[in-house]
């Protein structure tokens, strides 16, 4: 009986870890790409830097929201 409980906790911990790891990988890569492309765009057209920077920051916030959703799901898995 104790072995079953330990195995269940191990599988649950693995699921939580994988959820947050995979859920953070996509946003991390996309934020890097957004920042890179935004700086390239500002380098090509410095006069439009205000508009580009606003769109870049908004896009980064939306990408970060996906990581927060993954964190919420991981926490739900952990505590249920």
C-alpha atoms as a PDB file:
ATOM      1  CA  UNK A   1       0.000   0.000   0.000  1.00  0.00           C
ATOM      2  CA  UNK A   2       2.782   2.434   0.890  1.00  0.00           C
ATOM      3  CA  UNK A   3       4.560   1.614  -2.386  1.00  0.00           C
ATOM      4  CA  UNK A   4       1.440   2.543  -4.354  1.00  0.00           C
ATOM      5  CA  UNK A   5       1.198   5.906  -2.600  1.00  0.00           C
ATOM      6  CA  UNK A   6       4.880   6.642  -3.237  1.00  0.00           C
ATOM      7  CA  UNK A   7       4.572   5.662  -6.890  1.00  0.00           C
ATOM      8  CA  UNK A   8       1.501   7.871  -7.307  1.00  0.00           C
ATOM      9  CA  UNK A   9       3.314  10.829  -5.785  1.00  0.00           C
ATOM     10  CA  UNK A  10       6.299  10.245  -8.049  1.00  0.00           C
ATOM     11  CA  UNK A  11       4.128  10.164 -11.174  1.00  0.00           C
ATOM     12  CA  UNK A  12       2.274  13.258  -9.995  1.00  0.00           C
ATOM     13  CA  UNK A  13       5.537  15.105  -9.351  1.00  0.00           C
ATOM     14  CA  UNK A  14       6.801  14.095 -12.783  1.00  0.00           C
ATOM     15  CA  UNK A  15       3.592  15.382 -14.385  1.00  0.00           C
ATOM     16  CA  UNK A  16       3.897  18.708 -12.555  1.00  0.00           C
ATOM     17  CA  UNK A  17       7.538  19.085 -13.543  1.00  0.00           C
ATOM     18  CA  UNK A  18       6.909  18.257 -17.179  1.00  0.00           C
ATOM     19  CA  UNK A  19       3.902  20.576 -17.321  1.00  0.00           C
ATOM     20  CA  UNK A  20       5.841  23.599 -16.160  1.00  0.00           C
ATOM     21  CA  UNK A  21       8.968  22.693 -18.146  1.00  0.00           C
ATOM     22  CA  UNK A  22       7.164  22.226 -21.458  1.00  0.00           C
ATOM     23  CA  UNK A  23       4.759  25.059 -20.684  1.00  0.00           C
ATOM     24  CA  UNK A  24       7.638  27.488 -20.129  1.00  0.00           C
ATOM     25  CA  UNK A  25       9.708  26.369 -23.111  1.00  0.00           C
ATOM     26  CA  UNK A  26       7.386  27.782 -25.773  1.00  0.00           C
ATOM     27  CA  UNK A  27       6.971  31.220 -24.203  1.00  0.00           C
ATOM     28  CA  UNK A  28      10.706  31.461 -23.490  1.00  0.00           C
ATOM     29  CA  UNK A  29      11.558  30.798 -27.120  1.00  0.00           C
ATOM     30  CA  UNK A  30       8.836  33.095 -28.425  1.00  0.00           C
ATOM     31  CA  UNK A  31       9.874  35.960 -26.140  1.00  0.00           C
ATOM     32  CA  UNK A  32      13.430  35.626 -27.426  1.00  0.00           C
ATOM     33  CA  UNK A  33      12.244  35.684 -31.024  1.00  0.00           C
ATOM     34  CA  UNK A  34       9.922  38.644 -30.389  1.00  0.00           C
ATOM     35  CA  UNK A  35      12.731  40.629 -28.771  1.00  0.00           C
ATOM     36  CA  UNK A  36      15.171  39.776 -31.535  1.00  0.00           C
ATOM     37  CA  UNK A  37      12.806  40.691 -34.353  1.00  0.00           C
ATOM     38  CA  UNK A  38      11.682  43.839 -32.559  1.00  0.00           C
ATOM     39  CA  UNK A  39      15.254  45.061 -32.197  1.00  0.00           C
ATOM     40  CA  UNK A  40      15.939  44.210 -35.843  1.00  0.00           C
ATOM     41  CA  UNK A  41      12.903  46.254 -36.855  1.00  0.00           C
ATOM     42  CA  UNK A  42      14.022  49.203 -34.725  1.00  0.00           C
ATOM     43  CA  UNK A  43      17.482  48.942 -36.278  1.00  0.00           C
ATOM     44  CA  UNK A  44      16.009  49.114 -39.772  1.00  0.00           C
ATOM     45  CA  UNK A  45      13.540  51.897 -39.010  1.00  0.00           C
ATOM     46  CA  UNK A  46      14.509  53.934 -35.915  1.00  0.00           C
ATOM     47  CA  UNK A  47      11.762  56.496 -36.521  1.00  0.00           C
ATOM     48  CA  UNK A  48       9.109  53.867 -35.792  1.00  0.00           C
ATOM     49  CA  UNK A  49      10.734  52.686 -32.566  1.00  0.00           C
ATOM     50  CA  UNK A  50       7.842  53.860 -30.358  1.00  0.00           C
ATOM     51  CA  UNK A  51       5.257  51.849 -32.314  1.00  0.00           C
ATOM     52  CA  UNK A  52       7.530  48.827 -32.610  1.00  0.00           C
ATOM     53  CA  UNK A  53       8.408  48.876 -28.914  1.00  0.00           C
ATOM     54  CA  UNK A  54       4.743  49.098 -27.901  1.00  0.00           C
ATOM     55  CA  UNK A  55       3.798  46.156 -30.101  1.00  0.00           C
ATOM     56  CA  UNK A  56       6.831  44.193 -28.910  1.00  0.00           C
ATOM     57  CA  UNK A  57       6.020  44.658 -25.217  1.00  0.00           C
ATOM     58  CA  UNK A  58       2.371  43.748 -25.794  1.00  0.00           C
ATOM     59  CA  UNK A  59       3.382  40.600 -27.671  1.00  0.00           C
ATOM     60  CA  UNK A  60       5.798  39.610 -24.911  1.00  0.00           C
ATOM     61  CA  UNK A  61       3.020  40.019 -22.334  1.00  0.00           C
ATOM     62  CA  UNK A  62       0.716  37.727 -24.335  1.00  0.00           C
ATOM     63  CA  UNK A  63       3.472  35.132 -24.699  1.00  0.00           C
ATOM     64  CA  UNK A  64       4.161  35.298 -20.960  1.00  0.00           C
ATOM     65  CA  UNK A  65       0.475  34.654 -20.275  1.00  0.00           C
ATOM     66  CA  UNK A  66       0.894  31.166 -21.776  1.00  0.00           C
ATOM     67  CA  UNK A  67       3.614  30.407 -19.215  1.00  0.00           C
ATOM     68  CA  UNK A  68       1.339  31.627 -16.426  1.00  0.00           C
ATOM     69  CA  UNK A  69      -1.426  29.297 -17.669  1.00  0.00           C
ATOM     70  CA  UNK A  70       1.049  26.399 -17.561  1.00  0.00           C
ATOM     71  CA  UNK A  71       1.985  27.375 -14.008  1.00  0.00           C
ATOM     72  CA  UNK A  72      -1.679  27.410 -12.971  1.00  0.00           C
ATOM     73  CA  UNK A  73      -2.205  23.962 -14.493  1.00  0.00           C
ATOM     74  CA  UNK A  74       0.919  22.649 -12.728  1.00  0.00           C
ATOM     75  CA  UNK A  75      -0.323  24.002  -9.411  1.00  0.00           C
ATOM     76  CA  UNK A  76      -3.747  22.432  -9.943  1.00  0.00           C
ATOM     77  CA  UNK A  77      -2.076  19.100 -10.684  1.00  0.00           C
ATOM     78  CA  UNK A  78       0.128  19.412  -7.615  1.00  0.00           C
ATOM     79  CA  UNK A  79      -2.602  20.215  -5.114  1.00  0.00           C
ATOM     80  CA  UNK A  80      -5.389  17.921  -6.346  1.00  0.00           C
END
